[in-house]
C-alpha atoms as a PDB file:
ATOM      1  CA  SER A   1     -56.543   1.761 -61.129  1.00  0.00           C
ATOM      2  CA  ASN A   2     -53.429  -0.452 -60.896  1.00  0.00           C
ATOM      3  CA  CYS A   3     -51.200   2.457 -61.890  1.00  0.00           C
ATOM      4  CA  ASP A   4     -48.708   4.100 -59.467  1.00  0.00           C
ATOM      5  CA  GLU A   5     -47.473   6.860 -61.811  1.00  0.00           C
ATOM      6  CA  CYS A   6     -49.211   8.257 -64.886  1.00  0.00           C
ATOM      7  CA  ASP A   7     -49.031  11.142 -67.384  1.00  0.00           C
ATOM      8  CA  ASN A   8     -52.802  11.425 -67.640  1.00  0.00           C
ATOM      9  CA  SER A   9     -55.808   9.192 -67.115  1.00  0.00           C
ATOM     10  CA  SER A  10     -54.952   7.094 -70.204  1.00  0.00           C
ATOM     11  CA  PHE A  11     -51.213   6.358 -69.971  1.00  0.00           C
ATOM     12  CA  CYS A  12     -49.389   4.671 -67.119  1.00  0.00           C
ATOM     13  CA  ASN A  13     -45.609   4.938 -66.503  1.00  0.00           C
ATOM     14  CA  LYS A  14     -45.340   2.645 -63.469  1.00  0.00           C
ATOM     15  CA  CYS A  15     -47.737  -0.029 -62.215  1.00  0.00           C
ATOM     16  CA  SER A  16     -48.602  -1.166 -58.695  1.00  0.00           C
ATOM     17  CA  PRO A  17     -47.053  -4.579 -57.920  1.00  0.00           C
ATOM     18  CA  PRO A  18     -47.729  -7.289 -58.963  1.00  0.00           C
ATOM     19  CA  TYR A  19     -48.961  -5.607 -62.182  1.00  0.00           C
ATOM     20  CA  LEU A  20     -46.626  -5.106 -65.125  1.00  0.00           C
ATOM     21  CA  LEU A  21     -46.390  -2.190 -67.538  1.00  0.00           C
ATOM     22  CA  LYS A  22     -47.179  -3.149 -71.150  1.00  0.00           C
ATOM     23  CA  ASP A  23     -47.851  -0.555 -73.866  1.00  0.00           C
ATOM     24  CA  LEU A  24     -48.624   2.112 -71.223  1.00  0.00           C
ATOM     25  CA  ASN A  25     -51.189  -0.147 -69.509  1.00  0.00           C
ATOM     26  CA  CYS A  26     -50.995  -2.335 -66.395  1.00  0.00           C
ATOM     27  CA  VAL A  27     -51.422  -6.068 -66.950  1.00  0.00           C
ATOM     28  CA  SER A  28     -51.195  -9.140 -64.732  1.00  0.00           C
ATOM     29  CA  ASP A  29     -49.504 -11.237 -67.447  1.00  0.00           C
ATOM     30  CA  CYS A  30     -47.245 -10.105 -70.292  1.00  0.00           C
ATOM     31  CA  GLY A  31     -48.714 -12.646 -72.705  1.00  0.00           C
ATOM     32  CA  ASN A  32     -47.252 -14.199 -75.830  1.00  0.00           C
ATOM     33  CA  GLY A  33     -44.320 -12.487 -77.486  1.00  0.00           C
ATOM     34  CA  PHE A  34     -43.283 -10.660 -74.300  1.00  0.00           C
ATOM     35  CA  ILE A  35     -41.138 -11.403 -71.244  1.00  0.00           C
ATOM     36  CA  ASN A  36     -41.068  -9.814 -67.766  1.00  0.00           C
ATOM     37  CA  ASN A  37     -38.057  -7.546 -67.247  1.00  0.00           C
ATOM     38  CA  SER A  38     -35.506  -8.488 -64.571  1.00  0.00           C
ATOM     39  CA  GLU A  39     -37.165  -6.199 -61.991  1.00  0.00           C
ATOM     40  CA  ASN A  40     -40.559  -7.789 -62.745  1.00  0.00           C
ATOM     41  CA  THR A  41     -42.081  -4.331 -63.342  1.00  0.00           C
ATOM     42  CA  GLU A  42     -42.726  -4.256 -67.078  1.00  0.00           C
ATOM     43  CA  CYS A  43     -43.149  -6.364 -70.207  1.00  0.00           C
ATOM     44  CA  ILE A  44     -40.439  -6.352 -72.868  1.00  0.00           C
ATOM     45  CA  LYS A  45     -41.171  -7.430 -76.436  1.00  0.00           C
ATOM     46  CA  CYS A  46     -39.284 -10.500 -77.603  1.00  0.00           C
ATOM     47  CA  ASP A  47     -37.925 -10.844 -81.118  1.00  0.00           C
ATOM     48  CA  ASP A  48     -40.870 -11.373 -83.509  1.00  0.00           C
ATOM     49  CA  ASN A  49     -39.731 -14.957 -84.072  1.00  0.00           C
ATOM     50  CA  CYS A  50     -40.177 -15.886 -80.373  1.00  0.00           C
ATOM     51  CA  ASN A  51     -43.287 -16.592 -78.307  1.00  0.00           C
ATOM     52  CA  LYS A  52     -41.151 -16.309 -75.132  1.00  0.00           C
ATOM     53  CA  CYS A  53     -37.477 -15.310 -74.838  1.00  0.00           C
ATOM     54  CA  GLU A  54     -34.579 -14.748 -72.445  1.00  0.00           C
ATOM     55  CA  THR A  55     -34.762 -11.491 -70.447  1.00  0.00           C
ATOM     56  CA  PHE A  56     -31.192 -10.523 -71.362  1.00  0.00           C
ATOM     57  CA  ASN A  57     -31.282 -11.787 -74.966  1.00  0.00           C
ATOM     58  CA  LEU A  58     -34.604 -10.960 -76.620  1.00  0.00           C
ATOM     59  CA  SER A  59     -33.692 -12.890 -79.778  1.00  0.00           C
ATOM     60  CA  PHE A  60     -32.958 -16.136 -77.848  1.00  0.00           C
ATOM     61  CA  CYS A  61     -36.280 -17.964 -77.868  1.00  0.00           C
ATOM     62  CA  THR A  62     -37.392 -20.188 -74.988  1.00  0.00           C
ATOM     63  CA  LYS A  63     -40.823 -20.907 -76.519  1.00  0.00           C
ATOM     64  CA  CYS A  64     -42.005 -20.751 -80.126  1.00  0.00           C
ATOM     65  CA  HIS A  65     -45.235 -19.819 -81.852  1.00  0.00           C
ATOM     66  CA  VAL A  66     -47.682 -22.562 -82.858  1.00  0.00           C
ATOM     67  CA  ASN A  67     -46.435 -24.772 -85.730  1.00  0.00           C
ATOM     68  CA  GLN A  68     -42.781 -24.015 -84.919  1.00  0.00           C
ATOM     69  CA  VAL A  69     -40.130 -25.997 -83.051  1.00  0.00           C
ATOM     70  CA  LEU A  70     -37.357 -24.763 -80.763  1.00  0.00           C
ATOM     71  CA  PHE A  71     -33.730 -25.490 -81.679  1.00  0.00           C
ATOM     72  CA  LYS A  72     -30.836 -23.849 -79.798  1.00  0.00           C
ATOM     73  CA  GLY A  73     -32.784 -20.662 -79.061  1.00  0.00           C
ATOM     74  CA  LYS A  74     -34.235 -20.332 -82.559  1.00  0.00           C
ATOM     75  CA  CYS A  75     -37.733 -21.119 -83.783  1.00  0.00           C
ATOM     76  CA  LEU A  76     -37.874 -23.218 -86.936  1.00  0.00           C
ATOM     77  CA  VAL A  77     -40.550 -24.849 -89.073  1.00  0.00           C
ATOM     78  CA  ASN A  78     -38.838 -28.262 -88.769  1.00  0.00           C
ATOM     79  CA  CYS A  79     -35.962 -29.742 -86.809  1.00  0.00           C
ATOM     80  CA  PRO A  80     -32.641 -30.021 -88.676  1.00  0.00           C
ATOM     81  CA  ASN A  81     -31.624 -33.417 -90.058  1.00  0.00           C
ATOM     82  CA  GLY A  82     -30.648 -35.826 -87.293  1.00  0.00           C
ATOM     83  CA  PHE A  83     -32.971 -34.247 -84.697  1.00  0.00           C
ATOM     84  CA  TYR A  84     -36.526 -35.091 -83.632  1.00  0.00           C
ATOM     85  CA  VAL A  85     -39.293 -33.067 -81.949  1.00  0.00           C
ATOM     86  CA  ASP A  86     -40.024 -33.965 -78.311  1.00  0.00           C
ATOM     87  CA  GLU A  87     -43.290 -33.425 -76.404  1.00  0.00           C
ATOM     88  CA  ASN A  88     -42.232 -29.827 -75.560  1.00  0.00           C
ATOM     89  CA  LYS A  89     -41.843 -28.934 -79.263  1.00  0.00           C
ATOM     90  CA  GLU A  90     -38.040 -28.858 -78.874  1.00  0.00           C
ATOM     91  CA  CYS A  91     -35.537 -30.454 -81.251  1.00  0.00           C
ATOM     92  CA  LYS A  92     -33.448 -33.164 -79.555  1.00  0.00           C
END
């Protein structure tokens, strides 16, 4: 019902704003592991290592999965030596 263009009743190709296209369905939020594209029309899958990522660099993480910390765009189990984890789960 939130679809502007479709192939059949099951698969959408373009969603009505503000909905986003994700796996041929229209969603209001891309969810974990995805980022909105620059036109804000569809969800793009981030690198598997990222919970959220940069739109133009899908392997540059901006948020990590649970039990991981963010360090210079990468998600790690622990911060490198000489760094500590802050309240945002980032290595400083």
